[in-house]
Amino acid sequence: MNKSLVAKIRRKQGLTQEQLADKCNLSVRTIQRLEVGKDTSIKTLNIVANAFNVPISDLFEQIDEKEKREDIMNITNEQIQQSRNRENVQSLFKRLTIFTFIILMLVLGNFIEQQNGFSQTLETVVWGLGWIIGFTVIKFVRNIWLEPYLDRKYPLTKGMDVMKLKK
């Protein structure tokens, strides 16, 4: 039998079995089987590991079966590599959006300066709207395009906060 750490991690994170099951979209019975170390699919292990923000191998203190241990170590290494890749893409997106946003705000500021008829209040309103619209567009692009793209490209990190992944 495999020595599972799922219950220990769950309690450390202050979750009940029901809460973890809801977070993972799994049954409570599946969580109970995981906690006693019963065999389960790599997909299920990945879902639970992502909910905890840990590599799959961290779900076990000991894995008795050599083949299962090798599978888990291989998938853990792939998961860690995917998390690094995902973090790099997210970081690049953040830098590109900040750069683009700064350029657009400079253009907007230059436009406002060239408009002699703008009052100070109107300038402030236009400037404020620029910030609000800019951040809304960035959030929209991230949620509608970037995250689904990353989930498809790096499926072992789906639902995981890669910035918090214990490496």
N, C-alpha and C. Protein backbone atom coordinates (compact mmCIF):
# COMPACT_ATOMS: atom_id res chain seq x y z
N MET A 1 0.84 -1.18 0.00
CA MET A 1 0.00 0.00 0.00
C MET A 1 0.89 1.24 0.00
N ASN A 2 0.41 2.30 -0.62
CA ASN A 2 1.14 3.55 -0.70
C ASN A 2 0.82 4.40 0.53
N LYS A 3 1.82 5.08 1.06
CA LYS A 3 1.65 5.93 2.24
C LYS A 3 1.28 7.33 1.75
N SER A 4 0.01 7.68 1.88
CA SER A 4 -0.52 8.94 1.37
C SER A 4 -0.37 10.06 2.40
N LEU A 5 -0.09 11.26 1.89
CA LEU A 5 -0.03 12.46 2.73
C LEU A 5 -1.20 13.41 2.45
N VAL A 6 -2.18 12.94 1.68
CA VAL A 6 -3.30 13.79 1.27
C VAL A 6 -4.04 14.33 2.50
N ALA A 7 -4.35 13.48 3.47
CA ALA A 7 -5.09 13.93 4.66
C ALA A 7 -4.29 14.97 5.42
N LYS A 8 -2.99 14.73 5.57
CA LYS A 8 -2.13 15.67 6.30
C LYS A 8 -2.09 17.03 5.59
N ILE A 9 -1.92 17.02 4.28
CA ILE A 9 -1.87 18.27 3.51
C ILE A 9 -3.22 18.98 3.58
N ARG A 10 -4.29 18.19 3.45
CA ARG A 10 -5.65 18.76 3.49
C ARG A 10 -5.89 19.46 4.83
N ARG A 11 -5.56 18.79 5.92
CA ARG A 11 -5.76 19.39 7.25
C ARG A 11 -4.87 20.62 7.43
N LYS A 12 -3.64 20.55 6.94
CA LYS A 12 -2.72 21.69 7.05
C LYS A 12 -3.27 22.92 6.33
N GLN A 13 -3.98 22.67 5.22
CA GLN A 13 -4.57 23.77 4.46
C GLN A 13 -5.96 24.14 4.97
N GLY A 14 -6.39 23.49 6.05
CA GLY A 14 -7.66 23.84 6.69
C GLY A 14 -8.89 23.43 5.92
N LEU A 15 -8.79 22.34 5.17
CA LEU A 15 -9.92 21.88 4.36
C LEU A 15 -10.52 20.61 4.94
N THR A 16 -11.83 20.48 4.81
CA THR A 16 -12.49 19.22 5.12
C THR A 16 -12.43 18.35 3.87
N GLN A 17 -12.76 17.08 4.01
CA GLN A 17 -12.81 16.20 2.84
C GLN A 17 -13.83 16.72 1.83
N GLU A 18 -14.96 17.21 2.34
CA GLU A 18 -16.01 17.74 1.45
C GLU A 18 -15.53 18.96 0.69
N GLN A 19 -14.82 19.85 1.39
CA GLN A 19 -14.31 21.06 0.73
C GLN A 19 -13.28 20.71 -0.34
N LEU A 20 -12.40 19.77 -0.03
CA LEU A 20 -11.41 19.35 -1.02
C LEU A 20 -12.09 18.70 -2.21
N ALA A 21 -13.09 17.86 -1.94
CA ALA A 21 -13.83 17.21 -3.03
C ALA A 21 -14.49 18.26 -3.93
N ASP A 22 -15.10 19.28 -3.32
CA ASP A 22 -15.73 20.36 -4.11
C ASP A 22 -14.69 21.12 -4.92
N LYS A 23 -13.57 21.44 -4.28
CA LYS A 23 -12.50 22.19 -4.95
C LYS A 23 -11.96 21.44 -6.16
N CYS A 24 -11.92 20.10 -6.04
CA CYS A 24 -11.36 19.26 -7.10
C CYS A 24 -12.42 18.73 -8.06
N ASN A 25 -13.68 18.97 -7.73
CA ASN A 25 -14.79 18.42 -8.51
C ASN A 25 -14.72 16.89 -8.54
N LEU A 26 -14.43 16.31 -7.36
CA LEU A 26 -14.37 14.87 -7.18
C LEU A 26 -15.34 14.47 -6.08
N SER A 27 -15.59 13.19 -5.95
CA SER A 27 -16.48 12.73 -4.88
C SER A 27 -15.71 12.66 -3.56
N VAL A 28 -16.43 12.73 -2.47
CA VAL A 28 -15.82 12.59 -1.15
C VAL A 28 -15.20 11.20 -1.03
N ARG A 29 -15.86 10.20 -1.61
CA ARG A 29 -15.35 8.83 -1.57
C ARG A 29 -13.97 8.75 -2.24
N THR A 30 -13.78 9.46 -3.34
CA THR A 30 -12.49 9.48 -4.03
C THR A 30 -11.42 10.08 -3.11
N ILE A 31 -11.76 11.16 -2.43
CA ILE A 31 -10.82 11.79 -1.49
C ILE A 31 -10.49 10.81 -0.37
N GLN A 32 -11.48 10.11 0.13
CA GLN A 32 -11.24 9.13 1.20
C GLN A 32 -10.31 8.02 0.73
N ARG A 33 -10.50 7.53 -0.49
CA ARG A 33 -9.62 6.49 -1.03
C ARG A 33 -8.20 7.01 -1.18
N LEU A 34 -8.07 8.24 -1.64
CA LEU A 34 -6.73 8.83 -1.76
C LEU A 34 -6.05 8.94 -0.40
N GLU A 35 -6.81 9.32 0.61
CA GLU A 35 -6.22 9.53 1.93
C GLU A 35 -5.72 8.25 2.57
N VAL A 36 -6.30 7.12 2.22
CA VAL A 36 -5.82 5.85 2.78
C VAL A 36 -4.80 5.18 1.86
N GLY A 37 -4.48 5.82 0.74
CA GLY A 37 -3.42 5.33 -0.12
C GLY A 37 -3.86 4.32 -1.16
N LYS A 38 -5.16 4.21 -1.41
CA LYS A 38 -5.62 3.28 -2.44
C LYS A 38 -5.26 3.81 -3.81
N ASP A 39 -5.06 2.89 -4.72
CA ASP A 39 -4.63 3.23 -6.08
C ASP A 39 -5.67 4.10 -6.77
N THR A 40 -5.19 5.08 -7.48
CA THR A 40 -6.05 5.97 -8.25
C THR A 40 -5.30 6.41 -9.50
N SER A 41 -6.01 7.05 -10.39
CA SER A 41 -5.39 7.45 -11.66
C SER A 41 -4.47 8.65 -11.47
N ILE A 42 -3.54 8.76 -12.38
CA ILE A 42 -2.62 9.91 -12.39
C ILE A 42 -3.43 11.20 -12.57
N LYS A 43 -4.48 11.13 -13.38
CA LYS A 43 -5.31 12.32 -13.62
C LYS A 43 -5.92 12.82 -12.31
N THR A 44 -6.44 11.91 -11.50
CA THR A 44 -7.03 12.28 -10.21
C THR A 44 -5.95 12.84 -9.28
N LEU A 45 -4.80 12.19 -9.25
CA LEU A 45 -3.69 12.68 -8.42
C LEU A 45 -3.29 14.09 -8.85
N ASN A 46 -3.26 14.32 -10.15
CA ASN A 46 -2.89 15.64 -10.67
C ASN A 46 -3.89 16.70 -10.23
N ILE A 47 -5.18 16.38 -10.28
CA ILE A 47 -6.21 17.34 -9.87
C ILE A 47 -6.02 17.73 -8.41
N VAL A 48 -5.80 16.73 -7.55
CA VAL A 48 -5.64 16.99 -6.12
C VAL A 48 -4.33 17.76 -5.86
N ALA A 49 -3.26 17.36 -6.51
CA ALA A 49 -1.98 18.06 -6.34
C ALA A 49 -2.11 19.52 -6.75
N ASN A 50 -2.80 19.78 -7.85
CA ASN A 50 -2.99 21.15 -8.30
C ASN A 50 -3.82 21.96 -7.31
N ALA A 51 -4.81 21.32 -6.71
CA ALA A 51 -5.63 22.01 -5.70
C ALA A 51 -4.77 22.40 -4.49
N PHE A 52 -3.79 21.59 -4.17
CA PHE A 52 -2.88 21.87 -3.06
C PHE A 52 -1.69 22.73 -3.47
N ASN A 53 -1.48 22.92 -4.77
CA ASN A 53 -0.30 23.63 -5.30
C ASN A 53 1.00 22.93 -4.92
N VAL A 54 1.01 21.61 -5.09
CA VAL A 54 2.22 20.83 -4.82
C VAL A 54 2.43 19.86 -5.99
N PRO A 55 3.66 19.41 -6.20
CA PRO A 55 3.88 18.35 -7.19
C PRO A 55 3.18 17.07 -6.76
N ILE A 56 2.83 16.24 -7.71
CA ILE A 56 2.12 15.00 -7.43
C ILE A 56 2.88 14.13 -6.43
N SER A 57 4.19 14.08 -6.55
CA SER A 57 4.98 13.23 -5.66
C SER A 57 4.84 13.64 -4.20
N ASP A 58 4.51 14.90 -3.93
CA ASP A 58 4.35 15.36 -2.55
C ASP A 58 3.09 14.81 -1.88
N LEU A 59 2.24 14.15 -2.65
CA LEU A 59 1.03 13.55 -2.08
C LEU A 59 1.35 12.24 -1.35
N PHE A 60 2.58 11.76 -1.50
CA PHE A 60 2.94 10.46 -0.93
C PHE A 60 4.20 10.57 -0.09
N GLU A 61 4.17 9.87 1.03
CA GLU A 61 5.38 9.71 1.83
C GLU A 61 6.18 8.53 1.29
N GLN A 62 5.43 7.54 0.81
CA GLN A 62 6.06 6.32 0.31
C GLN A 62 5.16 5.69 -0.75
N ILE A 63 5.78 5.17 -1.81
CA ILE A 63 5.05 4.46 -2.85
C ILE A 63 5.71 3.10 -2.99
N ASP A 64 4.95 2.07 -2.65
CA ASP A 64 5.52 0.72 -2.59
C ASP A 64 5.83 0.12 -3.96
N GLU A 65 4.95 0.32 -4.91
CA GLU A 65 5.12 -0.30 -6.23
C GLU A 65 6.14 0.48 -7.05
N LYS A 66 7.16 -0.21 -7.52
CA LYS A 66 8.24 0.44 -8.27
C LYS A 66 7.71 1.12 -9.53
N GLU A 67 6.86 0.43 -10.27
CA GLU A 67 6.34 1.00 -11.52
C GLU A 67 5.51 2.26 -11.25
N LYS A 68 4.67 2.21 -10.23
CA LYS A 68 3.84 3.36 -9.86
C LYS A 68 4.73 4.52 -9.40
N ARG A 69 5.78 4.21 -8.62
CA ARG A 69 6.70 5.23 -8.14
C ARG A 69 7.39 5.92 -9.33
N GLU A 70 7.82 5.13 -10.30
CA GLU A 70 8.47 5.71 -11.49
C GLU A 70 7.50 6.57 -12.29
N ASP A 71 6.26 6.09 -12.45
CA ASP A 71 5.25 6.87 -13.16
C ASP A 71 5.01 8.21 -12.47
N ILE A 72 4.89 8.17 -11.15
CA ILE A 72 4.62 9.40 -10.40
C ILE A 72 5.80 10.35 -10.47
N MET A 73 7.01 9.84 -10.39
CA MET A 73 8.18 10.71 -10.49
C MET A 73 8.29 11.32 -11.89
N ASN A 74 8.00 10.53 -12.91
CA ASN A 74 8.04 11.06 -14.28
C ASN A 74 6.98 12.15 -14.48
N ILE A 75 5.77 11.90 -14.01
CA ILE A 75 4.71 12.89 -14.19
C ILE A 75 4.99 14.13 -13.33
N THR A 76 5.59 13.93 -12.16
CA THR A 76 5.96 15.06 -11.30
C THR A 76 6.99 15.94 -12.00
N ASN A 77 8.00 15.32 -12.58
CA ASN A 77 9.01 16.10 -13.31
C ASN A 77 8.40 16.87 -14.46
N GLU A 78 7.47 16.24 -15.17
CA GLU A 78 6.78 16.92 -16.28
C GLU A 78 5.91 18.06 -15.73
N GLN A 79 5.23 17.82 -14.62
CA GLN A 79 4.39 18.84 -14.00
C GLN A 79 5.23 20.06 -13.59
N ILE A 80 6.38 19.82 -13.00
CA ILE A 80 7.25 20.91 -12.58
C ILE A 80 7.76 21.68 -13.80
N GLN A 81 8.13 20.95 -14.87
CA GLN A 81 8.57 21.64 -16.09
C GLN A 81 7.45 22.47 -16.69
N GLN A 82 6.24 21.90 -16.73
CA GLN A 82 5.10 22.66 -17.26
C GLN A 82 4.81 23.89 -16.41
N SER A 83 4.97 23.77 -15.09
CA SER A 83 4.71 24.92 -14.22
C SER A 83 5.74 26.02 -14.48
N ARG A 84 6.98 25.64 -14.72
CA ARG A 84 8.01 26.64 -15.05
C ARG A 84 7.69 27.32 -16.38
N ASN A 85 7.31 26.52 -17.36
CA ASN A 85 6.96 27.08 -18.67
C ASN A 85 5.76 28.01 -18.55
N ARG A 86 4.75 27.58 -17.80
CA ARG A 86 3.55 28.39 -17.62
C ARG A 86 3.91 29.71 -16.93
N GLU A 87 4.74 29.62 -15.90
CA GLU A 87 5.15 30.83 -15.18
C GLU A 87 5.92 31.77 -16.11
N ASN A 88 6.76 31.24 -16.98
CA ASN A 88 7.50 32.07 -17.94
C ASN A 88 6.55 32.78 -18.90
N VAL A 89 5.54 32.07 -19.39
CA VAL A 89 4.57 32.70 -20.31
C VAL A 89 3.77 33.77 -19.57
N GLN A 90 3.35 33.48 -18.34
CA GLN A 90 2.61 34.47 -17.56
C GLN A 90 3.47 35.71 -17.29
N SER A 91 4.72 35.50 -17.00
CA SER A 91 5.63 36.62 -16.75
C SER A 91 5.83 37.46 -18.01
N LEU A 92 6.00 36.79 -19.15
CA LEU A 92 6.13 37.51 -20.42
C LEU A 92 4.86 38.30 -20.72
N PHE A 93 3.71 37.68 -20.51
CA PHE A 93 2.43 38.38 -20.73
C PHE A 93 2.35 39.62 -19.85
N LYS A 94 2.73 39.48 -18.59
CA LYS A 94 2.67 40.60 -17.67
C LYS A 94 3.58 41.74 -18.15
N ARG A 95 4.82 41.40 -18.55
CA ARG A 95 5.75 42.43 -19.01
C ARG A 95 5.25 43.11 -20.29
N LEU A 96 4.72 42.30 -21.22
CA LEU A 96 4.21 42.87 -22.47
C LEU A 96 3.00 43.77 -22.23
N THR A 97 2.10 43.35 -21.34
CA THR A 97 0.92 44.17 -21.09
C THR A 97 1.30 45.47 -20.37
N ILE A 98 2.25 45.40 -19.45
CA ILE A 98 2.70 46.62 -18.76
C ILE A 98 3.33 47.57 -19.76
N PHE A 99 4.21 47.04 -20.61
CA PHE A 99 4.87 47.87 -21.63
C PHE A 99 3.83 48.50 -22.57
N THR A 100 2.92 47.69 -23.07
CA THR A 100 1.88 48.19 -23.99
C THR A 100 1.00 49.22 -23.30
N PHE A 101 0.63 48.93 -22.06
CA PHE A 101 -0.23 49.84 -21.31
C PHE A 101 0.45 51.19 -21.09
N ILE A 102 1.73 51.17 -20.75
CA ILE A 102 2.47 52.42 -20.53
C ILE A 102 2.53 53.23 -21.83
N ILE A 103 2.81 52.56 -22.94
CA ILE A 103 2.85 53.26 -24.24
C ILE A 103 1.49 53.88 -24.55
N LEU A 104 0.42 53.10 -24.36
CA LEU A 104 -0.92 53.63 -24.64
C LEU A 104 -1.26 54.81 -23.74
N MET A 105 -0.88 54.74 -22.47
CA MET A 105 -1.17 55.85 -21.56
C MET A 105 -0.35 57.08 -21.92
N LEU A 106 0.88 56.89 -22.40
CA LEU A 106 1.68 58.02 -22.86
C LEU A 106 1.05 58.67 -24.10
N VAL A 107 0.56 57.84 -25.00
CA VAL A 107 -0.13 58.37 -26.19
C VAL A 107 -1.38 59.13 -25.77
N LEU A 108 -2.14 58.56 -24.83
CA LEU A 108 -3.35 59.23 -24.35
C LEU A 108 -2.98 60.55 -23.67
N GLY A 109 -1.93 60.54 -22.86
CA GLY A 109 -1.49 61.77 -22.21
C GLY A 109 -1.08 62.83 -23.21
N ASN A 110 -0.37 62.43 -24.27
CA ASN A 110 0.04 63.36 -25.32
C ASN A 110 -1.18 63.92 -26.04
N PHE A 111 -2.17 63.06 -26.29
CA PHE A 111 -3.40 63.51 -26.95
C PHE A 111 -4.11 64.54 -26.08
N ILE A 112 -4.21 64.27 -24.79
CA ILE A 112 -4.88 65.20 -23.88
C ILE A 112 -4.16 66.54 -23.85
N GLU A 113 -2.83 66.52 -23.82
CA GLU A 113 -2.06 67.77 -23.80
C GLU A 113 -2.29 68.61 -25.05
N GLN A 114 -2.49 67.96 -26.19
CA GLN A 114 -2.67 68.68 -27.45
C GLN A 114 -4.06 69.28 -27.59
N GLN A 115 -4.98 68.86 -26.76
CA GLN A 115 -6.35 69.37 -26.82
C GLN A 115 -6.47 70.57 -25.89
N ASN A 116 -6.41 71.76 -26.46
CA ASN A 116 -6.47 72.98 -25.66
C ASN A 116 -7.81 73.18 -24.98
N GLY A 117 -8.85 72.63 -25.53
CA GLY A 117 -10.19 72.85 -24.98
C GLY A 117 -10.53 71.97 -23.79
N PHE A 118 -9.66 71.03 -23.44
CA PHE A 118 -9.93 70.13 -22.32
C PHE A 118 -9.74 70.87 -21.00
N SER A 119 -10.72 70.79 -20.13
CA SER A 119 -10.55 71.35 -18.78
C SER A 119 -9.76 70.35 -17.95
N GLN A 120 -9.28 70.79 -16.81
CA GLN A 120 -8.52 69.91 -15.92
C GLN A 120 -9.38 68.74 -15.47
N THR A 121 -10.65 68.99 -15.22
CA THR A 121 -11.56 67.92 -14.78
C THR A 121 -11.75 66.89 -15.88
N LEU A 122 -11.93 67.34 -17.10
CA LEU A 122 -12.12 66.42 -18.22
C LEU A 122 -10.84 65.61 -18.46
N GLU A 123 -9.68 66.26 -18.31
CA GLU A 123 -8.42 65.53 -18.45
C GLU A 123 -8.33 64.41 -17.42
N THR A 124 -8.71 64.71 -16.19
CA THR A 124 -8.67 63.72 -15.12
C THR A 124 -9.62 62.56 -15.41
N VAL A 125 -10.81 62.88 -15.90
CA VAL A 125 -11.80 61.85 -16.23
C VAL A 125 -11.28 60.96 -17.35
N VAL A 126 -10.76 61.56 -18.41
CA VAL A 126 -10.24 60.78 -19.55
C VAL A 126 -9.08 59.91 -19.09
N TRP A 127 -8.19 60.48 -18.30
CA TRP A 127 -7.03 59.73 -17.80
C TRP A 127 -7.52 58.55 -16.94
N GLY A 128 -8.45 58.79 -16.04
CA GLY A 128 -9.00 57.74 -15.19
C GLY A 128 -9.68 56.64 -15.98
N LEU A 129 -10.46 57.05 -16.98
CA LEU A 129 -11.12 56.06 -17.84
C LEU A 129 -10.11 55.22 -18.60
N GLY A 130 -9.01 55.83 -19.00
CA GLY A 130 -7.96 55.10 -19.69
C GLY A 130 -7.41 53.98 -18.82
N TRP A 131 -7.17 54.30 -17.55
CA TRP A 131 -6.68 53.28 -16.61
C TRP A 131 -7.71 52.17 -16.40
N ILE A 132 -8.95 52.56 -16.18
CA ILE A 132 -10.01 51.57 -15.93
C ILE A 132 -10.19 50.66 -17.14
N ILE A 133 -10.29 51.25 -18.32
CA ILE A 133 -10.47 50.46 -19.54
C ILE A 133 -9.25 49.57 -19.79
N GLY A 134 -8.07 50.11 -19.58
CA GLY A 134 -6.85 49.33 -19.78
C GLY A 134 -6.79 48.10 -18.90
N PHE A 135 -7.05 48.27 -17.60
CA PHE A 135 -7.01 47.12 -16.70
C PHE A 135 -8.13 46.13 -16.99
N THR A 136 -9.27 46.62 -17.42
CA THR A 136 -10.39 45.73 -17.77
C THR A 136 -10.03 44.89 -18.99
N VAL A 137 -9.42 45.50 -19.98
CA VAL A 137 -9.02 44.77 -21.19
C VAL A 137 -7.96 43.72 -20.84
N ILE A 138 -7.00 44.10 -20.01
CA ILE A 138 -5.95 43.14 -19.61
C ILE A 138 -6.56 41.95 -18.90
N LYS A 139 -7.46 42.21 -17.96
CA LYS A 139 -8.10 41.12 -17.22
C LYS A 139 -8.94 40.24 -18.16
N PHE A 140 -9.63 40.86 -19.10
CA PHE A 140 -10.44 40.13 -20.06
C PHE A 140 -9.56 39.21 -20.91
N VAL A 141 -8.48 39.75 -21.45
CA VAL A 141 -7.56 38.96 -22.28
C VAL A 141 -6.97 37.80 -21.48
N ARG A 142 -6.59 38.07 -20.24
CA ARG A 142 -6.02 37.03 -19.39
C ARG A 142 -7.04 35.91 -19.14
N ASN A 143 -8.26 36.27 -18.77
CA ASN A 143 -9.27 35.27 -18.41
C ASN A 143 -9.88 34.54 -19.61
N ILE A 144 -10.07 35.25 -20.70
CA ILE A 144 -10.75 34.67 -21.86
C ILE A 144 -9.78 33.97 -22.81
N TRP A 145 -8.56 34.48 -22.92
CA TRP A 145 -7.63 33.89 -23.87
C TRP A 145 -6.44 33.20 -23.21
N LEU A 146 -5.69 33.92 -22.36
CA LEU A 146 -4.42 33.41 -21.86
C LEU A 146 -4.58 32.17 -20.98
N GLU A 147 -5.42 32.22 -19.96
CA GLU A 147 -5.54 31.08 -19.05
C GLU A 147 -6.06 29.83 -19.75
N PRO A 148 -7.11 29.92 -20.60
CA PRO A 148 -7.52 28.71 -21.33
C PRO A 148 -6.41 28.18 -22.25
N TYR A 149 -5.66 29.08 -22.87
CA TYR A 149 -4.54 28.67 -23.72
C TYR A 149 -3.51 27.91 -22.88
N LEU A 150 -3.15 28.46 -21.72
CA LEU A 150 -2.16 27.81 -20.85
C LEU A 150 -2.67 26.49 -20.31
N ASP A 151 -3.97 26.40 -20.03
CA ASP A 151 -4.54 25.13 -19.55
C ASP A 151 -4.43 24.05 -20.62
N ARG A 152 -4.60 24.43 -21.89
CA ARG A 152 -4.46 23.46 -22.98
C ARG A 152 -3.00 23.10 -23.21
N LYS A 153 -2.13 24.09 -23.17
CA LYS A 153 -0.72 23.86 -23.46
C LYS A 153 0.00 23.15 -22.31
N TYR A 154 -0.38 23.45 -21.08
CA TYR A 154 0.26 22.88 -19.89
C TYR A 154 -0.81 22.24 -18.99
N PRO A 155 -1.40 21.14 -19.44
CA PRO A 155 -2.54 20.56 -18.71
C PRO A 155 -2.21 20.07 -17.30
N LEU A 156 -0.97 19.74 -17.02
CA LEU A 156 -0.62 19.26 -15.68
C LEU A 156 -0.62 20.39 -14.65
N THR A 157 -0.76 21.64 -15.11
CA THR A 157 -0.80 22.77 -14.18
C THR A 157 -2.16 23.44 -14.13
N LYS A 158 -3.15 22.84 -14.76
CA LYS A 158 -4.49 23.44 -14.80
C LYS A 158 -5.04 23.59 -13.38
N GLY A 159 -5.47 24.80 -13.07
CA GLY A 159 -6.03 25.07 -11.76
C GLY A 159 -5.00 25.33 -10.68
N MET A 160 -3.75 25.30 -11.04
CA MET A 160 -2.66 25.46 -10.07
C MET A 160 -2.16 26.90 -10.09
N ASP A 161 -1.83 27.40 -8.94
CA ASP A 161 -1.16 28.71 -8.85
C ASP A 161 0.33 28.43 -8.91
N VAL A 162 0.89 28.51 -10.12
CA VAL A 162 2.29 28.11 -10.30
C VAL A 162 3.25 29.00 -9.52
N MET A 163 2.83 30.20 -9.18
CA MET A 163 3.69 31.08 -8.39
C MET A 163 3.87 30.51 -6.97
N LYS A 164 2.89 29.73 -6.51
CA LYS A 164 2.95 29.17 -5.16
C LYS A 164 3.41 27.71 -5.14
N LEU A 165 3.68 27.15 -6.30
CA LEU A 165 4.08 25.75 -6.36
C LEU A 165 5.37 25.53 -5.58
N LYS A 166 5.31 24.59 -4.69
CA LYS A 166 6.49 24.23 -3.91
C LYS A 166 7.38 23.38 -4.81
N LYS A 167 8.55 23.89 -5.11
CA LYS A 167 9.42 23.18 -6.05
C LYS A 167 10.50 22.43 -5.31
